[in-house]
All heavy atoms as atom14 arrays in JSON, in Angstrom:
{
  "sequence": "ATMTKRAVIADRTLRTDAWWLPQLATALGLLLFVGYSTWRAFAGAD",
  "atom14_mask": [
    [1, 1, 1, 1, 1, 0, 0, 0, 0, 0, 0, 0, 0, 0],
    [1, 1, 1, 1, 1, 1, 1, 0, 0, 0, 0, 0, 0, 0],
    [1, 1, 1, 1, 1, 1, 1, 1, 0, 0, 0, 0, 0, 0],
    [1, 1, 1, 1, 1, 1, 1, 0, 0, 0, 0, 0, 0, 0],
    [1, 1, 1, 1, 1, 1, 1, 1, 1, 0, 0, 0, 0, 0],
    [1, 1, 1, 1, 1, 1, 1, 1, 1, 1, 1, 0, 0, 0],
    [1, 1, 1, 1, 1, 0, 0, 0, 0, 0, 0, 0, 0, 0],
    [1, 1, 1, 1, 1, 1, 1, 0, 0, 0, 0, 0, 0, 0],
    [1, 1, 1, 1, 1, 1, 1, 1, 0, 0, 0, 0, 0, 0],
    [1, 1, 1, 1, 1, 0, 0, 0, 0, 0, 0, 0, 0, 0],
    [1, 1, 1, 1, 1, 1, 1, 1, 0, 0, 0, 0, 0, 0],
    [1, 1, 1, 1, 1, 1, 1, 1, 1, 1, 1, 0, 0, 0],
    [1, 1, 1, 1, 1, 1, 1, 0, 0, 0, 0, 0, 0, 0],
    [1, 1, 1, 1, 1, 1, 1, 1, 0, 0, 0, 0, 0, 0],
    [1, 1, 1, 1, 1, 1, 1, 1, 1, 1, 1, 0, 0, 0],
    [1, 1, 1, 1, 1, 1, 1, 0, 0, 0, 0, 0, 0, 0],
    [1, 1, 1, 1, 1, 1, 1, 1, 0, 0, 0, 0, 0, 0],
    [1, 1, 1, 1, 1, 0, 0, 0, 0, 0, 0, 0, 0, 0],
    [1, 1, 1, 1, 1, 1, 1, 1, 1, 1, 1, 1, 1, 1],
    [1, 1, 1, 1, 1, 1, 1, 1, 1, 1, 1, 1, 1, 1],
    [1, 1, 1, 1, 1, 1, 1, 1, 0, 0, 0, 0, 0, 0],
    [1, 1, 1, 1, 1, 1, 1, 0, 0, 0, 0, 0, 0, 0],
    [1, 1, 1, 1, 1, 1, 1, 1, 1, 0, 0, 0, 0, 0],
    [1, 1, 1, 1, 1, 1, 1, 1, 0, 0, 0, 0, 0, 0],
    [1, 1, 1, 1, 1, 0, 0, 0, 0, 0, 0, 0, 0, 0],
    [1, 1, 1, 1, 1, 1, 1, 0, 0, 0, 0, 0, 0, 0],
    [1, 1, 1, 1, 1, 0, 0, 0, 0, 0, 0, 0, 0, 0],
    [1, 1, 1, 1, 1, 1, 1, 1, 0, 0, 0, 0, 0, 0],
    [1, 1, 1, 1, 0, 0, 0, 0, 0, 0, 0, 0, 0, 0],
    [1, 1, 1, 1, 1, 1, 1, 1, 0, 0, 0, 0, 0, 0],
    [1, 1, 1, 1, 1, 1, 1, 1, 0, 0, 0, 0, 0, 0],
    [1, 1, 1, 1, 1, 1, 1, 1, 0, 0, 0, 0, 0, 0],
    [1, 1, 1, 1, 1, 1, 1, 1, 1, 1, 1, 0, 0, 0],
    [1, 1, 1, 1, 1, 1, 1, 0, 0, 0, 0, 0, 0, 0],
    [1, 1, 1, 1, 0, 0, 0, 0, 0, 0, 0, 0, 0, 0],
    [1, 1, 1, 1, 1, 1, 1, 1, 1, 1, 1, 1, 0, 0],
    [1, 1, 1, 1, 1, 1, 0, 0, 0, 0, 0, 0, 0, 0],
    [1, 1, 1, 1, 1, 1, 1, 0, 0, 0, 0, 0, 0, 0],
    [1, 1, 1, 1, 1, 1, 1, 1, 1, 1, 1, 1, 1, 1],
    [1, 1, 1, 1, 1, 1, 1, 1, 1, 1, 1, 0, 0, 0],
    [1, 1, 1, 1, 1, 0, 0, 0, 0, 0, 0, 0, 0, 0],
    [1, 1, 1, 1, 1, 1, 1, 1, 1, 1, 1, 0, 0, 0],
    [1, 1, 1, 1, 1, 0, 0, 0, 0, 0, 0, 0, 0, 0],
    [1, 1, 1, 1, 0, 0, 0, 0, 0, 0, 0, 0, 0, 0],
    [1, 1, 1, 1, 1, 0, 0, 0, 0, 0, 0, 0, 0, 0],
    [1, 1, 1, 1, 1, 1, 1, 1, 0, 0, 0, 0, 0, 0]
  ],
  "atom14_positions": [
    [[-21.49, 35.76, -12.93], [-21.23, 34.34, -13.13], [-21.56, 33.56, -11.88], [-21.31, 34.01, -10.75], [-19.75, 34.14, -13.5], [0.0, 0.0, 0.0], [0.0, 0.0, 0.0], [0.0, 0.0, 0.0], [0.0, 0.0, 0.0], [0.0, 0.0, 0.0], [0.0, 0.0, 0.0], [0.0, 0.0, 0.0], [0.0, 0.0, 0.0], [0.0, 0.0, 0.0]],
    [[-22.17, 32.43, -12.06], [-22.53, 31.59, -10.93], [-21.35, 30.7, -10.55], [-20.59, 30.25, -11.42], [-23.74, 30.71, -11.29], [-23.42, 29.93, -12.43], [-24.94, 31.58, -11.57], [0.0, 0.0, 0.0], [0.0, 0.0, 0.0], [0.0, 0.0, 0.0], [0.0, 0.0, 0.0], [0.0, 0.0, 0.0], [0.0, 0.0, 0.0], [0.0, 0.0, 0.0]],
    [[-21.19, 30.47, -9.26], [-20.1, 29.63, -8.77], [-20.5, 28.16, -8.9], [-21.63, 27.78, -8.62], [-19.78, 29.96, -7.31], [-19.26, 31.36, -7.08], [-18.91, 31.67, -5.35], [-17.66, 30.4, -5.04], [0.0, 0.0, 0.0], [0.0, 0.0, 0.0], [0.0, 0.0, 0.0], [0.0, 0.0, 0.0], [0.0, 0.0, 0.0], [0.0, 0.0, 0.0]],
    [[-19.55, 27.37, -9.35], [-19.79, 25.93, -9.47], [-19.15, 25.22, -8.28], [-18.08, 25.62, -7.81], [-19.21, 25.39, -10.78], [-17.81, 25.66, -10.82], [-19.89, 26.03, -11.97], [0.0, 0.0, 0.0], [0.0, 0.0, 0.0], [0.0, 0.0, 0.0], [0.0, 0.0, 0.0], [0.0, 0.0, 0.0], [0.0, 0.0, 0.0], [0.0, 0.0, 0.0]],
    [[-19.78, 24.19, -7.82], [-19.26, 23.42, -6.71], [-18.71, 22.09, -7.23], [-19.11, 21.59, -8.27], [-20.36, 23.16, -5.68], [-20.92, 24.42, -5.05], [-21.99, 24.07, -4.02], [-22.54, 25.31, -3.37], [-23.58, 24.99, -2.35], [0.0, 0.0, 0.0], [0.0, 0.0, 0.0], [0.0, 0.0, 0.0], [0.0, 0.0, 0.0], [0.0, 0.0, 0.0]],
    [[-17.78, 21.54, -6.42], [-17.24, 20.23, -6.77], [-18.32, 19.18, -6.61], [-19.17, 19.24, -5.73], [-16.05, 19.88, -5.88], [-14.83, 20.74, -6.13], [-13.66, 20.25, -5.3], [-13.28, 18.89, -5.68], [-12.27, 18.22, -5.11], [-11.58, 18.79, -4.13], [-11.95, 17.02, -5.51], [0.0, 0.0, 0.0], [0.0, 0.0, 0.0], [0.0, 0.0, 0.0]],
    [[-18.28, 18.21, -7.49], [-19.25, 17.11, -7.41], [-19.01, 16.31, -6.13], [-17.88, 16.03, -5.75], [-19.1, 16.2, -8.62], [0.0, 0.0, 0.0], [0.0, 0.0, 0.0], [0.0, 0.0, 0.0], [0.0, 0.0, 0.0], [0.0, 0.0, 0.0], [0.0, 0.0, 0.0], [0.0, 0.0, 0.0], [0.0, 0.0, 0.0], [0.0, 0.0, 0.0]],
    [[-20.07, 15.97, -5.47], [-20.0, 15.18, -4.26], [-20.07, 13.7, -4.65], [-21.09, 13.22, -5.15], [-21.15, 15.52, -3.29], [-21.07, 14.65, -2.05], [-21.1, 16.99, -2.93], [0.0, 0.0, 0.0], [0.0, 0.0, 0.0], [0.0, 0.0, 0.0], [0.0, 0.0, 0.0], [0.0, 0.0, 0.0], [0.0, 0.0, 0.0], [0.0, 0.0, 0.0]],
    [[-18.95, 13.01, -4.44], [-18.86, 11.6, -4.81], [-18.72, 10.78, -3.53], [-17.74, 10.93, -2.79], [-17.67, 11.35, -5.74], [-17.79, 12.2, -7.01], [-17.56, 9.87, -6.09], [-16.61, 12.1, -7.93], [0.0, 0.0, 0.0], [0.0, 0.0, 0.0], [0.0, 0.0, 0.0], [0.0, 0.0, 0.0], [0.0, 0.0, 0.0], [0.0, 0.0, 0.0]],
    [[-19.68, 9.96, -3.26], [-19.67, 9.17, -2.03], [-18.7, 8.0, -2.1], [-18.18, 7.54, -1.08], [-21.08, 8.67, -1.73], [0.0, 0.0, 0.0], [0.0, 0.0, 0.0], [0.0, 0.0, 0.0], [0.0, 0.0, 0.0], [0.0, 0.0, 0.0], [0.0, 0.0, 0.0], [0.0, 0.0, 0.0], [0.0, 0.0, 0.0], [0.0, 0.0, 0.0]],
    [[-18.43, 7.52, -3.31], [-17.54, 6.38, -3.46], [-16.11, 6.76, -3.08], [-15.66, 7.89, -3.31], [-17.56, 5.86, -4.89], [-18.93, 5.33, -5.29], [-19.63, 4.81, -4.4], [-19.28, 5.46, -6.47], [0.0, 0.0, 0.0], [0.0, 0.0, 0.0], [0.0, 0.0, 0.0], [0.0, 0.0, 0.0], [0.0, 0.0, 0.0], [0.0, 0.0, 0.0]],
    [[-15.39, 5.78, -2.52], [-14.0, 6.02, -2.16], [-13.15, 6.27, -3.39], [-12.21, 7.04, -3.38], [-13.47, 4.82, -1.37], [-12.09, 5.04, -0.75], [-11.66, 3.82, 0.01], [-10.36, 4.0, 0.62], [-9.66, 3.03, 1.2], [-10.17, 1.81, 1.25], [-8.49, 3.28, 1.75], [0.0, 0.0, 0.0], [0.0, 0.0, 0.0], [0.0, 0.0, 0.0]],
    [[-13.48, 5.58, -4.45], [-12.78, 5.77, -5.72], [-13.67, 5.28, -6.86], [-14.53, 4.41, -6.66], [-11.44, 5.02, -5.75], [-10.79, 5.24, -7.0], [-11.64, 3.52, -5.56], [0.0, 0.0, 0.0], [0.0, 0.0, 0.0], [0.0, 0.0, 0.0], [0.0, 0.0, 0.0], [0.0, 0.0, 0.0], [0.0, 0.0, 0.0], [0.0, 0.0, 0.0]],
    [[-13.44, 5.82, -8.04], [-14.16, 5.37, -9.23], [-13.28, 4.45, -10.08], [-13.7, 4.04, -11.17], [-14.6, 6.58, -10.05], [-15.6, 7.51, -9.35], [-15.98, 8.66, -10.27], [-16.85, 6.75, -8.9], [0.0, 0.0, 0.0], [0.0, 0.0, 0.0], [0.0, 0.0, 0.0], [0.0, 0.0, 0.0], [0.0, 0.0, 0.0], [0.0, 0.0, 0.0]],
    [[-12.1, 4.14, -9.58], [-11.22, 3.24, -10.32], [-11.8, 1.84, -10.34], [-12.32, 1.34, -9.33], [-9.82, 3.22, -9.7], [-9.09, 4.54, -9.84], [-7.7, 4.48, -9.21], [-6.87, 3.44, -9.79], [-5.56, 3.31, -9.52], [-4.97, 4.16, -8.69], [-4.86, 2.34, -10.07], [0.0, 0.0, 0.0], [0.0, 0.0, 0.0], [0.0, 0.0, 0.0]],
    [[-11.72, 1.2, -11.49], [-12.26, -0.15, -11.63], [-11.17, -1.2, -11.74], [-11.46, -2.4, -11.81], [-13.15, -0.23, -12.89], [-12.37, 0.15, -14.05], [-14.35, 0.69, -12.75], [0.0, 0.0, 0.0], [0.0, 0.0, 0.0], [0.0, 0.0, 0.0], [0.0, 0.0, 0.0], [0.0, 0.0, 0.0], [0.0, 0.0, 0.0], [0.0, 0.0, 0.0]],
    [[-9.89, -0.78, -11.75], [-8.8, -1.73, -11.82], [-8.44, -2.21, -10.41], [-8.95, -1.71, -9.42], [-7.58, -1.09, -12.47], [-7.08, 0.11, -11.67], [-7.93, 0.88, -11.16], [-5.86, 0.27, -11.54], [0.0, 0.0, 0.0], [0.0, 0.0, 0.0], [0.0, 0.0, 0.0], [0.0, 0.0, 0.0], [0.0, 0.0, 0.0], [0.0, 0.0, 0.0]],
    [[-7.57, -3.19, -10.34], [-7.12, -3.72, -9.04], [-6.03, -2.81, -8.49], [-4.86, -3.19, -8.41], [-6.63, -5.15, -9.2], [0.0, 0.0, 0.0], [0.0, 0.0, 0.0], [0.0, 0.0, 0.0], [0.0, 0.0, 0.0], [0.0, 0.0, 0.0], [0.0, 0.0, 0.0], [0.0, 0.0, 0.0], [0.0, 0.0, 0.0], [0.0, 0.0, 0.0]],
    [[-6.42, -1.62, -8.06], [-5.45, -0.62, -7.61], [-4.74, -1.02, -6.32], [-3.67, -0.51, -6.01], [-6.16, 0.72, -7.39], [-7.31, 0.67, -6.44], [-8.62, 0.52, -6.77], [-7.26, 0.74, -5.01], [-9.4, 0.51, -5.64], [-8.59, 0.64, -4.54], [-6.22, 0.9, -4.09], [-8.9, 0.67, -3.19], [-6.53, 0.93, -2.74], [-7.85, 0.82, -2.3]],
    [[-5.29, -1.96, -5.6], [-4.73, -2.37, -4.32], [-3.63, -3.42, -4.46], [-2.89, -3.69, -3.5], [-5.84, -2.95, -3.43], [-6.71, -3.94, -4.16], [-7.83, -3.7, -4.87], [-6.47, -5.35, -4.26], [-8.34, -4.85, -5.41], [-7.52, -5.89, -5.04], [-5.5, -6.21, -3.75], [-7.61, -7.25, -5.34], [-5.58, -7.57, -4.04], [-6.62, -8.07, -4.83]],
    [[-3.49, -4.02, -5.64], [-2.49, -5.06, -5.82], [-1.05, -4.57, -5.62], [-0.26, -5.23, -4.93], [-2.64, -5.71, -7.2], [-3.67, -6.83, -7.31], [-3.73, -7.37, -8.73], [-3.33, -7.97, -6.33], [0.0, 0.0, 0.0], [0.0, 0.0, 0.0], [0.0, 0.0, 0.0], [0.0, 0.0, 0.0], [0.0, 0.0, 0.0], [0.0, 0.0, 0.0]],
    [[-0.64, -3.42, -6.2], [0.73, -2.96, -5.96], [1.02, -2.71, -4.48], [2.11, -3.03, -3.99], [0.8, -1.66, -6.77], [-0.23, -1.81, -7.83], [-1.34, -2.57, -7.19], [0.0, 0.0, 0.0], [0.0, 0.0, 0.0], [0.0, 0.0, 0.0], [0.0, 0.0, 0.0], [0.0, 0.0, 0.0], [0.0, 0.0, 0.0], [0.0, 0.0, 0.0]],
    [[0.04, -2.16, -3.76], [0.25, -1.91, -2.34], [0.38, -3.23, -1.57], [1.19, -3.34, -0.64], [-0.91, -1.09, -1.77], [-0.85, 0.39, -2.12], [-1.11, 0.67, -3.58], [-1.69, -0.14, -4.27], [-0.67, 1.81, -4.06], [0.0, 0.0, 0.0], [0.0, 0.0, 0.0], [0.0, 0.0, 0.0], [0.0, 0.0, 0.0], [0.0, 0.0, 0.0]],
    [[-0.4, -4.22, -1.95], [-0.31, -5.53, -1.29], [1.05, -6.17, -1.56], [1.68, -6.72, -0.65], [-1.43, -6.44, -1.78], [-1.44, -7.87, -1.24], [-1.59, -7.86, 0.28], [-2.55, -8.7, -1.9], [0.0, 0.0, 0.0], [0.0, 0.0, 0.0], [0.0, 0.0, 0.0], [0.0, 0.0, 0.0], [0.0, 0.0, 0.0], [0.0, 0.0, 0.0]],
    [[1.49, -6.11, -2.82], [2.79, -6.68, -3.16], [3.91, -5.96, -2.41], [4.86, -6.59, -1.94], [3.01, -6.6, -4.67], [0.0, 0.0, 0.0], [0.0, 0.0, 0.0], [0.0, 0.0, 0.0], [0.0, 0.0, 0.0], [0.0, 0.0, 0.0], [0.0, 0.0, 0.0], [0.0, 0.0, 0.0], [0.0, 0.0, 0.0], [0.0, 0.0, 0.0]],
    [[3.81, -4.63, -2.3], [4.81, -3.86, -1.57], [4.85, -4.27, -0.11], [5.92, -4.49, 0.47], [4.51, -2.36, -1.68], [4.6, -1.96, -3.05], [5.5, -1.55, -0.86], [0.0, 0.0, 0.0], [0.0, 0.0, 0.0], [0.0, 0.0, 0.0], [0.0, 0.0, 0.0], [0.0, 0.0, 0.0], [0.0, 0.0, 0.0], [0.0, 0.0, 0.0]],
    [[3.68, -4.38, 0.51], [3.61, -4.76, 1.92], [4.19, -6.15, 2.15], [4.98, -6.36, 3.09], [2.16, -4.72, 2.4], [0.0, 0.0, 0.0], [0.0, 0.0, 0.0], [0.0, 0.0, 0.0], [0.0, 0.0, 0.0], [0.0, 0.0, 0.0], [0.0, 0.0, 0.0], [0.0, 0.0, 0.0], [0.0, 0.0, 0.0], [0.0, 0.0, 0.0]],
    [[3.87, -7.1, 1.28], [4.39, -8.46, 1.44], [5.9, -8.49, 1.25], [6.62, -9.17, 1.99], [3.7, -9.4, 0.45], [2.21, -9.67, 0.71], [1.63, -10.54, -0.39], [2.0, -10.3, 2.07], [0.0, 0.0, 0.0], [0.0, 0.0, 0.0], [0.0, 0.0, 0.0], [0.0, 0.0, 0.0], [0.0, 0.0, 0.0], [0.0, 0.0, 0.0]],
    [[6.39, -7.75, 0.25], [7.82, -7.71, 0.0], [8.6, -7.11, 1.17], [9.63, -7.65, 1.59], [0.0, 0.0, 0.0], [0.0, 0.0, 0.0], [0.0, 0.0, 0.0], [0.0, 0.0, 0.0], [0.0, 0.0, 0.0], [0.0, 0.0, 0.0], [0.0, 0.0, 0.0], [0.0, 0.0, 0.0], [0.0, 0.0, 0.0], [0.0, 0.0, 0.0]],
    [[8.1, -6.0, 1.7], [8.78, -5.36, 2.82], [8.7, -6.21, 4.08], [9.69, -6.33, 4.82], [8.17, -3.98, 3.07], [8.42, -2.92, 1.99], [7.7, -1.63, 2.34], [9.92, -2.66, 1.81], [0.0, 0.0, 0.0], [0.0, 0.0, 0.0], [0.0, 0.0, 0.0], [0.0, 0.0, 0.0], [0.0, 0.0, 0.0], [0.0, 0.0, 0.0]],
    [[7.55, -6.83, 4.34], [7.41, -7.68, 5.52], [8.33, -8.9, 5.43], [8.92, -9.32, 6.44], [5.96, -8.12, 5.68], [4.98, -7.06, 6.17], [3.55, -7.6, 6.15], [5.35, -6.59, 7.57], [0.0, 0.0, 0.0], [0.0, 0.0, 0.0], [0.0, 0.0, 0.0], [0.0, 0.0, 0.0], [0.0, 0.0, 0.0], [0.0, 0.0, 0.0]],
    [[8.47, -9.45, 4.24], [9.35, -10.6, 4.05], [10.79, -10.22, 4.35], [11.51, -10.94, 5.06], [9.22, -11.12, 2.62], [10.12, -12.32, 2.26], [9.74, -13.53, 3.11], [9.99, -12.66, 0.77], [0.0, 0.0, 0.0], [0.0, 0.0, 0.0], [0.0, 0.0, 0.0], [0.0, 0.0, 0.0], [0.0, 0.0, 0.0], [0.0, 0.0, 0.0]],
    [[11.22, -9.06, 3.85], [12.6, -8.64, 4.1], [12.81, -8.29, 5.56], [13.84, -8.65, 6.15], [12.96, -7.44, 3.22], [14.37, -6.97, 3.44], [15.44, -7.6, 2.82], [14.63, -5.88, 4.27], [16.74, -7.18, 3.04], [15.93, -5.45, 4.49], [16.99, -6.1, 3.87], [0.0, 0.0, 0.0], [0.0, 0.0, 0.0], [0.0, 0.0, 0.0]],
    [[11.87, -7.59, 6.17], [12.0, -7.21, 7.57], [12.07, -8.46, 8.45], [12.9, -8.55, 9.37], [10.82, -6.32, 8.01], [10.79, -6.16, 9.53], [10.93, -4.95, 7.35], [0.0, 0.0, 0.0], [0.0, 0.0, 0.0], [0.0, 0.0, 0.0], [0.0, 0.0, 0.0], [0.0, 0.0, 0.0], [0.0, 0.0, 0.0], [0.0, 0.0, 0.0]],
    [[11.24, -9.46, 8.17], [11.27, -10.69, 8.94], [12.59, -11.42, 8.82], [13.19, -11.85, 9.82], [0.0, 0.0, 0.0], [0.0, 0.0, 0.0], [0.0, 0.0, 0.0], [0.0, 0.0, 0.0], [0.0, 0.0, 0.0], [0.0, 0.0, 0.0], [0.0, 0.0, 0.0], [0.0, 0.0, 0.0], [0.0, 0.0, 0.0], [0.0, 0.0, 0.0]],
    [[13.07, -11.55, 7.57], [14.33, -12.26, 7.35], [15.5, -11.51, 7.96], [16.34, -12.09, 8.65], [14.57, -12.45, 5.84], [15.94, -12.98, 5.54], [16.23, -14.33, 5.69], [16.97, -12.12, 5.13], [17.51, -14.82, 5.43], [18.24, -12.61, 4.89], [18.5, -13.95, 5.03], [19.76, -14.44, 4.8], [0.0, 0.0, 0.0], [0.0, 0.0, 0.0]],
    [[15.59, -10.21, 7.7], [16.73, -9.42, 8.19], [16.74, -9.34, 9.71], [17.82, -9.31, 10.32], [16.71, -8.02, 7.58], [15.52, -7.33, 7.91], [0.0, 0.0, 0.0], [0.0, 0.0, 0.0], [0.0, 0.0, 0.0], [0.0, 0.0, 0.0], [0.0, 0.0, 0.0], [0.0, 0.0, 0.0], [0.0, 0.0, 0.0], [0.0, 0.0, 0.0]],
    [[15.57, -9.32, 10.35], [15.52, -9.31, 11.81], [16.08, -10.6, 12.37], [16.87, -10.6, 13.33], [14.08, -9.1, 12.3], [13.58, -7.85, 11.8], [14.01, -9.09, 13.82], [0.0, 0.0, 0.0], [0.0, 0.0, 0.0], [0.0, 0.0, 0.0], [0.0, 0.0, 0.0], [0.0, 0.0, 0.0], [0.0, 0.0, 0.0], [0.0, 0.0, 0.0]],
    [[15.68, -11.71, 11.79], [16.21, -13.01, 12.21], [17.72, -13.07, 12.06], [18.44, -13.45, 13.0], [15.55, -14.13, 11.41], [16.27, -15.44, 11.54], [16.5, -16.15, 12.69], [16.89, -16.19, 10.48], [17.21, -17.3, 12.42], [17.46, -17.34, 11.07], [17.0, -15.99, 9.1], [18.14, -18.31, 10.32], [17.66, -16.95, 8.35], [18.23, -18.09, 8.95]],
    [[18.23, -12.63, 10.92], [19.66, -12.71, 10.67], [20.43, -11.7, 11.51], [21.55, -11.95, 11.95], [19.93, -12.5, 9.19], [19.55, -13.67, 8.33], [20.43, -14.89, 8.63], [21.82, -14.59, 8.27], [22.87, -14.99, 9.0], [22.69, -15.64, 10.13], [24.09, -14.69, 8.59], [0.0, 0.0, 0.0], [0.0, 0.0, 0.0], [0.0, 0.0, 0.0]],
    [[19.86, -10.52, 11.73], [20.57, -9.5, 12.5], [20.77, -9.93, 13.94], [21.81, -9.63, 14.55], [19.79, -8.18, 12.45], [0.0, 0.0, 0.0], [0.0, 0.0, 0.0], [0.0, 0.0, 0.0], [0.0, 0.0, 0.0], [0.0, 0.0, 0.0], [0.0, 0.0, 0.0], [0.0, 0.0, 0.0], [0.0, 0.0, 0.0], [0.0, 0.0, 0.0]],
    [[19.8, -10.63, 14.52], [19.91, -11.06, 15.92], [20.59, -12.42, 16.07], [20.9, -12.83, 17.19], [18.52, -11.1, 16.57], [18.0, -9.76, 16.98], [17.22, -9.01, 16.1], [18.3, -9.23, 18.22], [16.74, -7.76, 16.48], [17.83, -7.99, 18.6], [17.04, -7.24, 17.73], [0.0, 0.0, 0.0], [0.0, 0.0, 0.0], [0.0, 0.0, 0.0]],
    [[20.83, -13.1, 14.94], [21.44, -14.43, 15.02], [22.86, -14.35, 15.56], [23.26, -15.13, 16.44], [21.41, -15.1, 13.65], [0.0, 0.0, 0.0], [0.0, 0.0, 0.0], [0.0, 0.0, 0.0], [0.0, 0.0, 0.0], [0.0, 0.0, 0.0], [0.0, 0.0, 0.0], [0.0, 0.0, 0.0], [0.0, 0.0, 0.0], [0.0, 0.0, 0.0]],
    [[23.66, -13.43, 15.02], [25.03, -13.28, 15.5], [25.94, -14.45, 15.17], [26.95, -14.67, 15.84], [0.0, 0.0, 0.0], [0.0, 0.0, 0.0], [0.0, 0.0, 0.0], [0.0, 0.0, 0.0], [0.0, 0.0, 0.0], [0.0, 0.0, 0.0], [0.0, 0.0, 0.0], [0.0, 0.0, 0.0], [0.0, 0.0, 0.0], [0.0, 0.0, 0.0]],
    [[25.6, -15.22, 14.16], [26.38, -16.4, 13.8], [26.26, -16.67, 12.31], [25.34, -16.18, 11.65], [25.92, -17.61, 14.6], [0.0, 0.0, 0.0], [0.0, 0.0, 0.0], [0.0, 0.0, 0.0], [0.0, 0.0, 0.0], [0.0, 0.0, 0.0], [0.0, 0.0, 0.0], [0.0, 0.0, 0.0], [0.0, 0.0, 0.0], [0.0, 0.0, 0.0]],
    [[27.2, -17.47, 11.79], [27.18, -17.89, 10.39], [27.15, -16.7, 9.44], [26.37, -16.67, 8.49], [25.98, -18.81, 10.12], [26.04, -20.1, 10.92], [27.16, -20.61, 11.13], [24.98, -20.59, 11.33], [0.0, 0.0, 0.0], [0.0, 0.0, 0.0], [0.0, 0.0, 0.0], [0.0, 0.0, 0.0], [0.0, 0.0, 0.0], [0.0, 0.0, 0.0]]
  ]
}
């Protein structure tokens, strides 16, 4: 039997959907909370 090799695909991905949107939303959500909580944590008032 001959050995088969994996196909060499130069593209980073073959997905055609907006796969980056969930990651962008996650980053924005976490950055928003980190920014707000940092401000409030160091405020020491109210």
